Amino acid sequence: MCLYYAHAFSCKHMTFSFARFCGPASMIQTPCGERRIWQTIPLDELCDDCKGGQGAFPDDHFQQQQQQQRYSGRQSRSRR
C-alpha cells in the first residue's frame, strides 16, 4: 500500500496527497491504488469547496474567470 498524507480541515473534509511508493509500486513508479495514511495533518481552515471555491491555485482562478464570462450575459456570435 502506497503512503499518503491526509489533510483534515476544520469543516471535517479531508484531502490526500501522495507521499511515498510501496515496495512493489516503486519498481514501476506508479501508485498501487491502495492508500495507507502515513500521517494526518490537522488544518484550522475550511477546505476550498467550503470556502466557496476560491482555490489557492492559479488554474482555479483561470477557471473562475471563464465561468464568469460564460454566465455574464454575453452570448457568443454564431458564424453563418
PDB file of N, CA and C in Angstrom:
ATOM      1  N   MET A   1       0.839  -1.175   0.000  1.00  0.00           N
ATOM      2  CA  MET A   1       0.000   0.000   0.000  1.00  0.00           C
ATOM      3  C   MET A   1       0.889   1.244   0.000  1.00  0.00           C
ATOM      4  N   CYS A   2       0.605   2.152  -0.912  1.00  0.00           N
ATOM      5  CA  CYS A   2       1.362   3.402  -1.000  1.00  0.00           C
ATOM      6  C   CYS A   2       0.944   4.329   0.145  1.00  0.00           C
ATOM      7  N   LEU A   3       1.861   5.176   0.538  1.00  0.00           N
ATOM      8  CA  LEU A   3       1.629   6.055   1.680  1.00  0.00           C
ATOM      9  C   LEU A   3       1.176   7.437   1.226  1.00  0.00           C
ATOM     10  N   TYR A   4       0.227   8.011   1.966  1.00  0.00           N
ATOM     11  CA  TYR A   4      -0.338   9.320   1.655  1.00  0.00           C
ATOM     12  C   TYR A   4      -0.421  10.163   2.918  1.00  0.00           C
ATOM     13  N   TYR A   5      -0.362  11.474   2.728  1.00  0.00           N
ATOM     14  CA  TYR A   5      -0.673  12.414   3.799  1.00  0.00           C
ATOM     15  C   TYR A   5      -2.164  12.710   3.727  1.00  0.00           C
ATOM     16  N   ALA A   6      -2.818  12.775   4.869  1.00  0.00           N
ATOM     17  CA  ALA A   6      -4.222  13.185   4.934  1.00  0.00           C
ATOM     18  C   ALA A   6      -4.261  14.581   5.536  1.00  0.00           C
ATOM     19  N   HIS A   7      -4.978  15.488   4.870  1.00  0.00           N
ATOM     20  CA  HIS A   7      -5.154  16.850   5.384  1.00  0.00           C
ATOM     21  C   HIS A   7      -6.573  16.949   5.924  1.00  0.00           C
ATOM     22  N   ALA A   8      -6.707  17.115   7.230  1.00  0.00           N
ATOM     23  CA  ALA A   8      -8.003  17.179   7.890  1.00  0.00           C
ATOM     24  C   ALA A   8      -8.367  18.644   8.133  1.00  0.00           C
ATOM     25  N   PHE A   9      -9.385  19.126   7.414  1.00  0.00           N
ATOM     26  CA  PHE A   9      -9.821  20.518   7.526  1.00  0.00           C
ATOM     27  C   PHE A   9     -10.810  20.674   8.675  1.00  0.00           C
ATOM     28  N   SER A  10     -10.998  21.898   9.118  1.00  0.00           N
ATOM     29  CA  SER A  10     -11.907  22.169  10.233  1.00  0.00           C
ATOM     30  C   SER A  10     -13.362  21.874   9.878  1.00  0.00           C
ATOM     31  N   CYS A  11     -13.680  21.828   8.590  1.00  0.00           N
ATOM     32  CA  CYS A  11     -15.049  21.528   8.151  1.00  0.00           C
ATOM     33  C   CYS A  11     -15.303  20.026   8.084  1.00  0.00           C
ATOM     34  N   LYS A  12     -14.338  19.220   8.499  1.00  0.00           N
ATOM     35  CA  LYS A  12     -14.393  17.753   8.543  1.00  0.00           C
ATOM     36  C   LYS A  12     -14.154  17.094   7.183  1.00  0.00           C
ATOM     37  N   HIS A  13     -13.879  17.862   6.140  1.00  0.00           N
ATOM     38  CA  HIS A  13     -13.491  17.271   4.858  1.00  0.00           C
ATOM     39  C   HIS A  13     -12.014  16.894   4.915  1.00  0.00           C
ATOM     40  N   MET A  14     -11.630  15.961   4.057  1.00  0.00           N
ATOM     41  CA  MET A  14     -10.231  15.537   4.013  1.00  0.00           C
ATOM     42  C   MET A  14      -9.749  15.495   2.565  1.00  0.00           C
ATOM     43  N   THR A  15      -8.485  15.806   2.381  1.00  0.00           N
ATOM     44  CA  THR A  15      -7.835  15.619   1.090  1.00  0.00           C
ATOM     45  C   THR A  15      -6.597  14.765   1.326  1.00  0.00           C
ATOM     46  N   PHE A  16      -6.103  14.164   0.266  1.00  0.00           N
ATOM     47  CA  PHE A  16      -4.948  13.283   0.375  1.00  0.00           C
ATOM     48  C   PHE A  16      -3.909  13.692  -0.650  1.00  0.00           C
ATOM     49  N   SER A  17      -2.662  13.607  -0.253  1.00  0.00           N
ATOM     50  CA  SER A  17      -1.575  13.865  -1.188  1.00  0.00           C
ATOM     51  C   SER A  17      -0.563  12.727  -1.084  1.00  0.00           C
ATOM     52  N   PHE A  18      -0.038  12.354  -2.228  1.00  0.00           N
ATOM     53  CA  PHE A  18       0.885  11.233  -2.312  1.00  0.00           C
ATOM     54  C   PHE A  18       2.148  11.533  -1.525  1.00  0.00           C
ATOM     55  N   ALA A  19       2.657  10.534  -0.787  1.00  0.00           N
ATOM     56  CA  ALA A  19       3.869  10.724  -0.003  1.00  0.00           C
ATOM     57  C   ALA A  19       4.990   9.777  -0.441  1.00  0.00           C
ATOM     58  N   ARG A  20       4.676   8.476  -0.614  1.00  0.00           N
ATOM     59  CA  ARG A  20       5.736   7.510  -0.880  1.00  0.00           C
ATOM     60  C   ARG A  20       5.175   6.244  -1.518  1.00  0.00           C
ATOM     61  N   PHE A  21       5.930   5.677  -2.458  1.00  0.00           N
ATOM     62  CA  PHE A  21       5.548   4.412  -3.072  1.00  0.00           C
ATOM     63  C   PHE A  21       5.751   3.256  -2.105  1.00  0.00           C
ATOM     64  N   CYS A  22       4.926   2.229  -2.233  1.00  0.00           N
ATOM     65  CA  CYS A  22       5.178   0.988  -1.507  1.00  0.00           C
ATOM     66  C   CYS A  22       6.229   0.195  -2.294  1.00  0.00           C
ATOM     67  N   GLY A  23       6.690  -0.909  -1.747  1.00  0.00           N
ATOM     68  CA  GLY A  23       7.742  -1.691  -2.387  1.00  0.00           C
ATOM     69  C   GLY A  23       7.432  -2.108  -3.821  1.00  0.00           C
ATOM     70  N   PRO A  24       6.308  -2.805  -4.080  1.00  0.00           N
ATOM     71  CA  PRO A  24       6.008  -3.230  -5.445  1.00  0.00           C
ATOM     72  C   PRO A  24       5.780  -2.058  -6.412  1.00  0.00           C
ATOM     73  N   ALA A  25       5.168  -0.990  -5.935  1.00  0.00           N
ATOM     74  CA  ALA A  25       4.876   0.149  -6.804  1.00  0.00           C
ATOM     75  C   ALA A  25       6.129   0.949  -7.136  1.00  0.00           C
ATOM     76  N   SER A  26       7.130   0.886  -6.275  1.00  0.00           N
ATOM     77  CA  SER A  26       8.351   1.658  -6.526  1.00  0.00           C
ATOM     78  C   SER A  26       9.110   1.137  -7.742  1.00  0.00           C
ATOM     79  N   MET A  27       8.927  -0.125  -8.059  1.00  0.00           N
ATOM     80  CA  MET A  27       9.601  -0.700  -9.227  1.00  0.00           C
ATOM     81  C   MET A  27       9.080  -0.102 -10.527  1.00  0.00           C
ATOM     82  N   ILE A  28       7.790   0.218 -10.571  1.00  0.00           N
ATOM     83  CA  ILE A  28       7.188   0.758 -11.805  1.00  0.00           C
ATOM     84  C   ILE A  28       6.875   2.244 -11.697  1.00  0.00           C
ATOM     85  N   GLN A  29       7.154   2.839 -10.519  1.00  0.00           N
ATOM     86  CA  GLN A  29       6.935   4.276 -10.279  1.00  0.00           C
ATOM     87  C   GLN A  29       5.489   4.702 -10.563  1.00  0.00           C
ATOM     88  N   THR A  30       4.562   3.852 -10.175  1.00  0.00           N
ATOM     89  CA  THR A  30       3.140   4.124 -10.325  1.00  0.00           C
ATOM     90  C   THR A  30       2.439   3.711  -9.034  1.00  0.00           C
ATOM     91  N   PRO A  31       1.633   4.589  -8.434  1.00  0.00           N
ATOM     92  CA  PRO A  31       0.943   4.213  -7.198  1.00  0.00           C
ATOM     93  C   PRO A  31       0.108   2.941  -7.392  1.00  0.00           C
ATOM     94  N   CYS A  32       0.086   2.101  -6.380  1.00  0.00           N
ATOM     95  CA  CYS A  32      -0.567   0.793  -6.486  1.00  0.00           C
ATOM     96  C   CYS A  32      -2.092   0.881  -6.433  1.00  0.00           C
ATOM     97  N   GLY A  33      -2.640   1.971  -5.966  1.00  0.00           N
ATOM     98  CA  GLY A  33      -4.091   2.106  -5.888  1.00  0.00           C
ATOM     99  C   GLY A  33      -4.635   1.869  -4.488  1.00  0.00           C
ATOM    100  N   GLU A  34      -3.846   1.270  -3.623  1.00  0.00           N
ATOM    101  CA  GLU A  34      -4.258   1.084  -2.230  1.00  0.00           C
ATOM    102  C   GLU A  34      -3.626   2.183  -1.396  1.00  0.00           C
ATOM    103  N   ARG A  35      -4.458   2.907  -0.669  1.00  0.00           N
ATOM    104  CA  ARG A  35      -3.997   4.084   0.073  1.00  0.00           C
ATOM    105  C   ARG A  35      -3.858   3.775   1.556  1.00  0.00           C
ATOM    106  N   ARG A  36      -2.694   4.069   2.113  1.00  0.00           N
ATOM    107  CA  ARG A  36      -2.479   3.964   3.557  1.00  0.00           C
ATOM    108  C   ARG A  36      -2.052   5.334   4.054  1.00  0.00           C
ATOM    109  N   ILE A  37      -2.698   5.804   5.105  1.00  0.00           N
ATOM    110  CA  ILE A  37      -2.399   7.128   5.638  1.00  0.00           C
ATOM    111  C   ILE A  37      -1.107   7.051   6.443  1.00  0.00           C
ATOM    112  N   TRP A  38      -0.121   7.822   6.023  1.00  0.00           N
ATOM    113  CA  TRP A  38       1.156   7.866   6.705  1.00  0.00           C
ATOM    114  C   TRP A  38       1.064   8.811   7.902  1.00  0.00           C
ATOM    115  N   GLN A  39       0.468   9.992   7.646  1.00  0.00           N
ATOM    116  CA  GLN A  39       0.318  10.972   8.708  1.00  0.00           C
ATOM    117  C   GLN A  39      -0.885  11.847   8.403  1.00  0.00           C
ATOM    118  N   THR A  40      -1.649  12.191   9.427  1.00  0.00           N
ATOM    119  CA  THR A  40      -2.785  13.109   9.281  1.00  0.00           C
ATOM    120  C   THR A  40      -2.358  14.475   9.786  1.00  0.00           C
ATOM    121  N   ILE A  41      -2.581  15.479   8.950  1.00  0.00           N
ATOM    122  CA  ILE A  41      -2.191  16.847   9.275  1.00  0.00           C
ATOM    123  C   ILE A  41      -3.464  17.652   9.549  1.00  0.00           C
ATOM    124  N   PRO A  42      -3.708  18.061  10.804  1.00  0.00           N
ATOM    125  CA  PRO A  42      -4.902  18.863  11.101  1.00  0.00           C
ATOM    126  C   PRO A  42      -4.701  20.307  10.643  1.00  0.00           C
ATOM    127  N   LEU A  43      -5.711  20.846   9.973  1.00  0.00           N
ATOM    128  CA  LEU A  43      -5.664  22.227   9.486  1.00  0.00           C
ATOM    129  C   LEU A  43      -6.806  23.019  10.111  1.00  0.00           C
ATOM    130  N   ASP A  44      -6.529  24.246  10.523  1.00  0.00           N
ATOM    131  CA  ASP A  44      -7.528  25.098  11.164  1.00  0.00           C
ATOM    132  C   ASP A  44      -8.227  26.015  10.172  1.00  0.00           C
ATOM    133  N   GLU A  45      -8.541  25.502   9.000  1.00  0.00           N
ATOM    134  CA  GLU A  45      -9.233  26.302   7.988  1.00  0.00           C
ATOM    135  C   GLU A  45     -10.205  25.417   7.228  1.00  0.00           C
ATOM    136  N   LEU A  46     -11.103  26.065   6.488  1.00  0.00           N
ATOM    137  CA  LEU A  46     -12.062  25.336   5.672  1.00  0.00           C
ATOM    138  C   LEU A  46     -11.403  24.869   4.383  1.00  0.00           C
ATOM    139  N   CYS A  47     -11.928  23.799   3.808  1.00  0.00           N
ATOM    140  CA  CYS A  47     -11.423  23.330   2.515  1.00  0.00           C
ATOM    141  C   CYS A  47     -11.867  24.304   1.420  1.00  0.00           C
ATOM    142  N   ASP A  48     -11.318  24.160   0.221  1.00  0.00           N
ATOM    143  CA  ASP A  48     -11.647  25.072  -0.880  1.00  0.00           C
ATOM    144  C   ASP A  48     -13.123  25.027  -1.240  1.00  0.00           C
ATOM    145  N   ASP A  49     -13.753  23.851  -1.175  1.00  0.00           N
ATOM    146  CA  ASP A  49     -15.175  23.752  -1.501  1.00  0.00           C
ATOM    147  C   ASP A  49     -16.023  24.533  -0.502  1.00  0.00           C
ATOM    148  N   CYS A  50     -15.689  24.436   0.769  1.00  0.00           N
ATOM    149  CA  CYS A  50     -16.457  25.134   1.810  1.00  0.00           C
ATOM    150  C   CYS A  50     -16.159  26.634   1.853  1.00  0.00           C
ATOM    151  N   LYS A  51     -14.997  27.032   1.340  1.00  0.00           N
ATOM    152  CA  LYS A  51     -14.668  28.459   1.266  1.00  0.00           C
ATOM    153  C   LYS A  51     -15.446  29.150   0.159  1.00  0.00           C
ATOM    154  N   GLY A  52     -16.100  28.395  -0.674  1.00  0.00           N
ATOM    155  CA  GLY A  52     -16.831  28.982  -1.784  1.00  0.00           C
ATOM    156  C   GLY A  52     -16.098  28.815  -3.100  1.00  0.00           C
ATOM    157  N   GLY A  53     -15.190  27.867  -3.171  1.00  0.00           N
ATOM    158  CA  GLY A  53     -14.495  27.583  -4.417  1.00  0.00           C
ATOM    159  C   GLY A  53     -13.357  28.529  -4.731  1.00  0.00           C
ATOM    160  N   GLN A  54     -12.906  29.310  -3.785  1.00  0.00           N
ATOM    161  CA  GLN A  54     -11.799  30.232  -4.030  1.00  0.00           C
ATOM    162  C   GLN A  54     -10.498  29.523  -3.722  1.00  0.00           C
ATOM    163  N   GLY A  55     -10.034  28.738  -4.688  1.00  0.00           N
ATOM    164  CA  GLY A  55      -8.832  27.930  -4.504  1.00  0.00           C
ATOM    165  C   GLY A  55      -7.564  28.750  -4.501  1.00  0.00           C
ATOM    166  N   ALA A  56      -6.500  28.131  -4.094  1.00  0.00           N
ATOM    167  CA  ALA A  56      -5.217  28.809  -3.988  1.00  0.00           C
ATOM    168  C   ALA A  56      -4.358  28.629  -5.230  1.00  0.00           C
ATOM    169  N   PHE A  57      -4.840  27.882  -6.210  1.00  0.00           N
ATOM    170  CA  PHE A  57      -4.037  27.588  -7.378  1.00  0.00           C
ATOM    171  C   PHE A  57      -4.422  28.500  -8.545  1.00  0.00           C
ATOM    172  N   PRO A  58      -3.463  28.919  -9.366  1.00  0.00           N
ATOM    173  CA  PRO A  58      -3.757  29.801 -10.498  1.00  0.00           C
ATOM    174  C   PRO A  58      -4.771  29.205 -11.465  1.00  0.00           C
ATOM    175  N   ASP A  59      -4.756  27.895 -11.639  1.00  0.00           N
ATOM    176  CA  ASP A  59      -5.722  27.269 -12.546  1.00  0.00           C
ATOM    177  C   ASP A  59      -7.145  27.495 -12.072  1.00  0.00           C
ATOM    178  N   ASP A  60      -7.352  27.484 -10.753  1.00  0.00           N
ATOM    179  CA  ASP A  60      -8.675  27.737 -10.207  1.00  0.00           C
ATOM    180  C   ASP A  60      -9.151  29.134 -10.578  1.00  0.00           C
ATOM    181  N   HIS A  61      -8.263  30.115 -10.482  1.00  0.00           N
ATOM    182  CA  HIS A  61      -8.607  31.492 -10.824  1.00  0.00           C
ATOM    183  C   HIS A  61      -8.961  31.598 -12.301  1.00  0.00           C
ATOM    184  N   PHE A  62      -8.197  30.936 -13.160  1.00  0.00           N
ATOM    185  CA  PHE A  62      -8.458  30.961 -14.597  1.00  0.00           C
ATOM    186  C   PHE A  62      -9.817  30.346 -14.902  1.00  0.00           C
ATOM    187  N   GLN A  63     -10.143  29.218 -14.256  1.00  0.00           N
ATOM    188  CA  GLN A  63     -11.429  28.571 -14.480  1.00  0.00           C
ATOM    189  C   GLN A  63     -12.575  29.443 -13.983  1.00  0.00           C
ATOM    190  N   GLN A  64     -12.388  30.135 -12.871  1.00  0.00           N
ATOM    191  CA  GLN A  64     -13.426  31.020 -12.361  1.00  0.00           C
ATOM    192  C   GLN A  64     -13.688  32.164 -13.332  1.00  0.00           C
ATOM    193  N   GLN A  65     -12.626  32.713 -13.926  1.00  0.00           N
ATOM    194  CA  GLN A  65     -12.800  33.783 -14.898  1.00  0.00           C
ATOM    195  C   GLN A  65     -13.578  33.295 -16.102  1.00  0.00           C
ATOM    196  N   GLN A  66     -13.281  32.092 -16.564  1.00  0.00           N
ATOM    197  CA  GLN A  66     -14.001  31.545 -17.710  1.00  0.00           C
ATOM    198  C   GLN A  66     -15.472  31.360 -17.386  1.00  0.00           C
ATOM    199  N   GLN A  67     -15.781  30.873 -16.192  1.00  0.00           N
ATOM    200  CA  GLN A  67     -17.168  30.680 -15.806  1.00  0.00           C
ATOM    201  C   GLN A  67     -17.896  32.009 -15.700  1.00  0.00           C
ATOM    202  N   GLN A  68     -17.244  33.035 -15.170  1.00  0.00           N
ATOM    203  CA  GLN A  68     -17.875  34.341 -15.048  1.00  0.00           C
ATOM    204  C   GLN A  68     -18.177  34.917 -16.421  1.00  0.00           C
ATOM    205  N   GLN A  69     -17.267  34.760 -17.370  1.00  0.00           N
ATOM    206  CA  GLN A  69     -17.501  35.253 -18.721  1.00  0.00           C
ATOM    207  C   GLN A  69     -18.639  34.492 -19.379  1.00  0.00           C
ATOM    208  N   ARG A  70     -18.711  33.206 -19.119  1.00  0.00           N
ATOM    209  CA  ARG A  70     -19.746  32.374 -19.721  1.00  0.00           C
ATOM    210  C   ARG A  70     -21.126  32.772 -19.225  1.00  0.00           C
ATOM    211  N   TYR A  71     -21.233  33.146 -17.943  1.00  0.00           N
ATOM    212  CA  TYR A  71     -22.530  33.450 -17.347  1.00  0.00           C
ATOM    213  C   TYR A  71     -22.777  34.940 -17.153  1.00  0.00           C
ATOM    214  N   SER A  72     -21.983  35.787 -17.778  1.00  0.00           N
ATOM    215  CA  SER A  72     -22.146  37.210 -17.568  1.00  0.00           C
ATOM    216  C   SER A  72     -23.211  37.832 -18.465  1.00  0.00           C
ATOM    217  N   GLY A  73     -23.930  37.012 -19.203  1.00  0.00           N
ATOM    218  CA  GLY A  73     -24.974  37.540 -20.053  1.00  0.00           C
ATOM    219  C   GLY A  73     -24.538  37.713 -21.501  1.00  0.00           C
ATOM    220  N   ARG A  74     -23.284  37.551 -21.791  1.00  0.00           N
ATOM    221  CA  ARG A  74     -22.808  37.654 -23.156  1.00  0.00           C
ATOM    222  C   ARG A  74     -23.150  36.365 -23.896  1.00  0.00           C
ATOM    223  N   GLN A  75     -23.598  36.538 -25.102  1.00  0.00           N
ATOM    224  CA  GLN A  75     -23.862  35.384 -25.926  1.00  0.00           C
ATOM    225  C   GLN A  75     -22.876  35.384 -27.076  1.00  0.00           C
ATOM    226  N   SER A  76     -22.353  34.223 -27.362  1.00  0.00           N
ATOM    227  CA  SER A  76     -21.398  34.152 -28.447  1.00  0.00           C
ATOM    228  C   SER A  76     -22.090  34.293 -29.786  1.00  0.00           C
ATOM    229  N   ARG A  77     -21.401  34.893 -30.715  1.00  0.00           N
ATOM    230  CA  ARG A  77     -21.960  35.081 -32.052  1.00  0.00           C
ATOM    231  C   ARG A  77     -21.786  33.804 -32.856  1.00  0.00           C
ATOM    232  N   SER A  78     -22.813  33.389 -33.508  1.00  0.00           N
ATOM    233  CA  SER A  78     -22.689  32.193 -34.344  1.00  0.00           C
ATOM    234  C   SER A  78     -22.269  32.608 -35.751  1.00  0.00           C
ATOM    235  N   ARG A  79     -21.431  31.814 -36.341  1.00  0.00           N
ATOM    236  CA  ARG A  79     -20.964  32.096 -37.697  1.00  0.00           C
ATOM    237  C   ARG A  79     -21.968  31.594 -38.710  1.00  0.00           C
ATOM    238  N   ARG A  80     -22.156  32.364 -39.708  1.00  0.00           N
ATOM    239  CA  ARG A  80     -23.101  31.964 -40.767  1.00  0.00           C
ATOM    240  C   ARG A  80     -22.415  31.852 -42.066  1.00  0.00           C
TER     241      ARG A  80
END
